[in-house]
Amino acid sequence: MKHAVKHPEDMSAVELAAATREFDAPYAFEKARPMTPAQRAEERTLRRGRPRIGQGAKKISISLERGVLRDADALARKKGVKRSELIASFVVAGLKRTA
């Protein structure tokens, strides 16, 4: 069975000092090891950031009445999408309807 570790806020000063003693040693980074190919690939993926979709995204600021925003958030949760995805889908649908 794995030993339960206390949260640092629940430790006494003596326990906290013992738990962090390894970080007091100079050159602690020398214990590090090179990344595996899988870790290196994951890091490259994370550094790339959000994937570009279409022409890319542009952040904008809009004002919505609080009730409308609350209803939009509820619908987004129900559909399992983000608020911005929901609003974007409505804008696209509106553009298609008027075209």
C-alpha atoms as a PDB file:
ATOM      1  CA  MET A   1       0.000   0.000   0.000  1.00  0.00           C
ATOM      2  CA  LYS A   2       1.268   3.472  -0.889  1.00  0.00           C
ATOM      3  CA  HIS A   3       2.244   5.694   2.030  1.00  0.00           C
ATOM      4  CA  ALA A   4      -0.155   8.638   2.369  1.00  0.00           C
ATOM      5  CA  VAL A   5       1.647  11.965   2.061  1.00  0.00           C
ATOM      6  CA  LYS A   6       0.435  14.943   4.054  1.00  0.00           C
ATOM      7  CA  HIS A   7      -0.309  18.204   2.308  1.00  0.00           C
ATOM      8  CA  PRO A   8       2.405  20.788   3.116  1.00  0.00           C
ATOM      9  CA  GLU A   9      -0.149  23.008   4.876  1.00  0.00           C
ATOM     10  CA  ASP A  10      -0.942  20.139   7.266  1.00  0.00           C
ATOM     11  CA  MET A  11       2.731  19.470   8.156  1.00  0.00           C
ATOM     12  CA  SER A  12       4.559  20.802  11.171  1.00  0.00           C
ATOM     13  CA  ALA A  13       7.689  22.869  10.586  1.00  0.00           C
ATOM     14  CA  VAL A  14       9.876  19.833  11.336  1.00  0.00           C
ATOM     15  CA  GLU A  15       7.923  17.584   8.921  1.00  0.00           C
ATOM     16  CA  LEU A  16       8.029  20.226   6.200  1.00  0.00           C
ATOM     17  CA  ALA A  17      11.780  20.681   6.624  1.00  0.00           C
ATOM     18  CA  ALA A  18      12.300  16.913   6.359  1.00  0.00           C
ATOM     19  CA  ALA A  19      10.064  16.649   3.292  1.00  0.00           C
ATOM     20  CA  THR A  20      11.905  19.433   1.458  1.00  0.00           C
ATOM     21  CA  ARG A  21      15.449  18.638   2.619  1.00  0.00           C
ATOM     22  CA  GLU A  22      16.417  17.186  -0.797  1.00  0.00           C
ATOM     23  CA  PHE A  23      15.875  20.610  -2.387  1.00  0.00           C
ATOM     24  CA  ASP A  24      18.388  22.264  -0.034  1.00  0.00           C
ATOM     25  CA  ALA A  25      21.290  20.348  -1.579  1.00  0.00           C
ATOM     26  CA  PRO A  26      23.317  22.265  -4.158  1.00  0.00           C
ATOM     27  CA  TYR A  27      23.172  21.027  -7.747  1.00  0.00           C
ATOM     28  CA  ALA A  28      19.973  19.069  -7.244  1.00  0.00           C
ATOM     29  CA  PHE A  29      19.406  19.367 -11.009  1.00  0.00           C
ATOM     30  CA  GLU A  30      22.310  16.972 -11.589  1.00  0.00           C
ATOM     31  CA  LYS A  31      20.057  14.121 -10.476  1.00  0.00           C
ATOM     32  CA  ALA A  32      17.864  14.791 -13.504  1.00  0.00           C
ATOM     33  CA  ARG A  33      17.919  12.437 -16.466  1.00  0.00           C
ATOM     34  CA  PRO A  34      17.417  13.077 -20.176  1.00  0.00           C
ATOM     35  CA  MET A  35      13.864  12.955 -21.463  1.00  0.00           C
ATOM     36  CA  THR A  36      12.652   9.825 -23.158  1.00  0.00           C
ATOM     37  CA  PRO A  37      11.576  10.110 -26.819  1.00  0.00           C
ATOM     38  CA  ALA A  38       7.919   9.987 -25.694  1.00  0.00           C
ATOM     39  CA  GLN A  39       8.470  12.816 -23.192  1.00  0.00           C
ATOM     40  CA  ARG A  40      10.296  14.859 -25.824  1.00  0.00           C
ATOM     41  CA  ALA A  41       7.410  14.386 -28.302  1.00  0.00           C
ATOM     42  CA  GLU A  42       4.876  15.391 -25.637  1.00  0.00           C
ATOM     43  CA  GLU A  43       6.889  18.527 -24.829  1.00  0.00           C
ATOM     44  CA  ARG A  44       7.002  19.505 -28.523  1.00  0.00           C
ATOM     45  CA  THR A  45       3.234  19.068 -28.729  1.00  0.00           C
ATOM     46  CA  LEU A  46       2.661  21.201 -25.618  1.00  0.00           C
ATOM     47  CA  ARG A  47       5.009  23.961 -26.811  1.00  0.00           C
ATOM     48  CA  ARG A  48       3.104  24.240 -30.085  1.00  0.00           C
ATOM     49  CA  GLY A  49       0.056  25.517 -28.224  1.00  0.00           C
ATOM     50  CA  ARG A  50      -3.487  25.530 -29.492  1.00  0.00           C
ATOM     51  CA  PRO A  51      -3.781  24.031 -32.976  1.00  0.00           C
ATOM     52  CA  ARG A  52      -4.707  26.483 -35.704  1.00  0.00           C
ATOM     53  CA  ILE A  53      -8.141  25.866 -37.185  1.00  0.00           C
ATOM     54  CA  GLY A  54      -9.032  27.532 -40.482  1.00  0.00           C
ATOM     55  CA  GLN A  55      -7.459  30.987 -40.593  1.00  0.00           C
ATOM     56  CA  GLY A  56      -6.776  30.962 -36.859  1.00  0.00           C
ATOM     57  CA  ALA A  57      -8.676  32.565 -34.009  1.00  0.00           C
ATOM     58  CA  LYS A  58      -8.967  36.206 -32.955  1.00  0.00           C
ATOM     59  CA  LYS A  59      -9.990  37.163 -29.412  1.00  0.00           C
ATOM     60  CA  ILE A  60     -12.739  39.759 -29.250  1.00  0.00           C
ATOM     61  CA  SER A  61     -14.706  41.427 -26.504  1.00  0.00           C
ATOM     62  CA  ILE A  62     -18.509  41.399 -26.725  1.00  0.00           C
ATOM     63  CA  SER A  63     -21.274  42.445 -24.347  1.00  0.00           C
ATOM     64  CA  LEU A  64     -24.205  40.149 -23.618  1.00  0.00           C
ATOM     65  CA  GLU A  65     -27.096  40.586 -21.224  1.00  0.00           C
ATOM     66  CA  ARG A  66     -26.429  38.450 -18.131  1.00  0.00           C
ATOM     67  CA  GLY A  67     -29.499  36.272 -18.635  1.00  0.00           C
ATOM     68  CA  VAL A  68     -28.520  35.541 -22.242  1.00  0.00           C
ATOM     69  CA  LEU A  69     -24.995  34.671 -21.132  1.00  0.00           C
ATOM     70  CA  ARG A  70     -26.326  32.376 -18.392  1.00  0.00           C
ATOM     71  CA  ASP A  71     -28.572  30.598 -20.919  1.00  0.00           C
ATOM     72  CA  ALA A  72     -25.702  30.307 -23.406  1.00  0.00           C
ATOM     73  CA  ASP A  73     -23.440  28.801 -20.733  1.00  0.00           C
ATOM     74  CA  ALA A  74     -26.149  26.290 -19.788  1.00  0.00           C
ATOM     75  CA  LEU A  75     -26.598  25.274 -23.432  1.00  0.00           C
ATOM     76  CA  ALA A  76     -22.826  24.998 -23.926  1.00  0.00           C
ATOM     77  CA  ARG A  77     -22.577  22.707 -20.887  1.00  0.00           C
ATOM     78  CA  LYS A  78     -25.503  20.617 -22.159  1.00  0.00           C
ATOM     79  CA  LYS A  79     -23.882  20.259 -25.599  1.00  0.00           C
ATOM     80  CA  GLY A  80     -20.424  19.662 -24.072  1.00  0.00           C
ATOM     81  CA  VAL A  81     -18.742  22.566 -25.874  1.00  0.00           C
ATOM     82  CA  LYS A  82     -16.991  25.737 -24.779  1.00  0.00           C
ATOM     83  CA  ARG A  83     -18.858  29.014 -24.677  1.00  0.00           C
ATOM     84  CA  SER A  84     -16.791  30.454 -27.529  1.00  0.00           C
ATOM     85  CA  GLU A  85     -17.512  27.389 -29.708  1.00  0.00           C
ATOM     86  CA  LEU A  86     -21.242  27.777 -29.075  1.00  0.00           C
ATOM     87  CA  ILE A  87     -21.239  31.483 -29.939  1.00  0.00           C
ATOM     88  CA  ALA A  88     -19.091  30.874 -33.031  1.00  0.00           C
ATOM     89  CA  SER A  89     -21.512  28.182 -34.245  1.00  0.00           C
ATOM     90  CA  PHE A  90     -24.426  30.633 -33.888  1.00  0.00           C
ATOM     91  CA  VAL A  91     -22.527  33.322 -35.820  1.00  0.00           C
ATOM     92  CA  VAL A  92     -21.689  30.855 -38.609  1.00  0.00           C
ATOM     93  CA  ALA A  93     -25.315  29.669 -38.761  1.00  0.00           C
ATOM     94  CA  GLY A  94     -26.505  33.273 -38.929  1.00  0.00           C
ATOM     95  CA  LEU A  95     -24.047  34.105 -41.704  1.00  0.00           C
ATOM     96  CA  LYS A  96     -25.170  31.066 -43.721  1.00  0.00           C
ATOM     97  CA  ARG A  97     -28.824  32.004 -43.240  1.00  0.00           C
ATOM     98  CA  THR A  98     -28.365  35.552 -44.514  1.00  0.00           C
ATOM     99  CA  ALA A  99     -26.176  34.553 -47.465  1.00  0.00           C
END
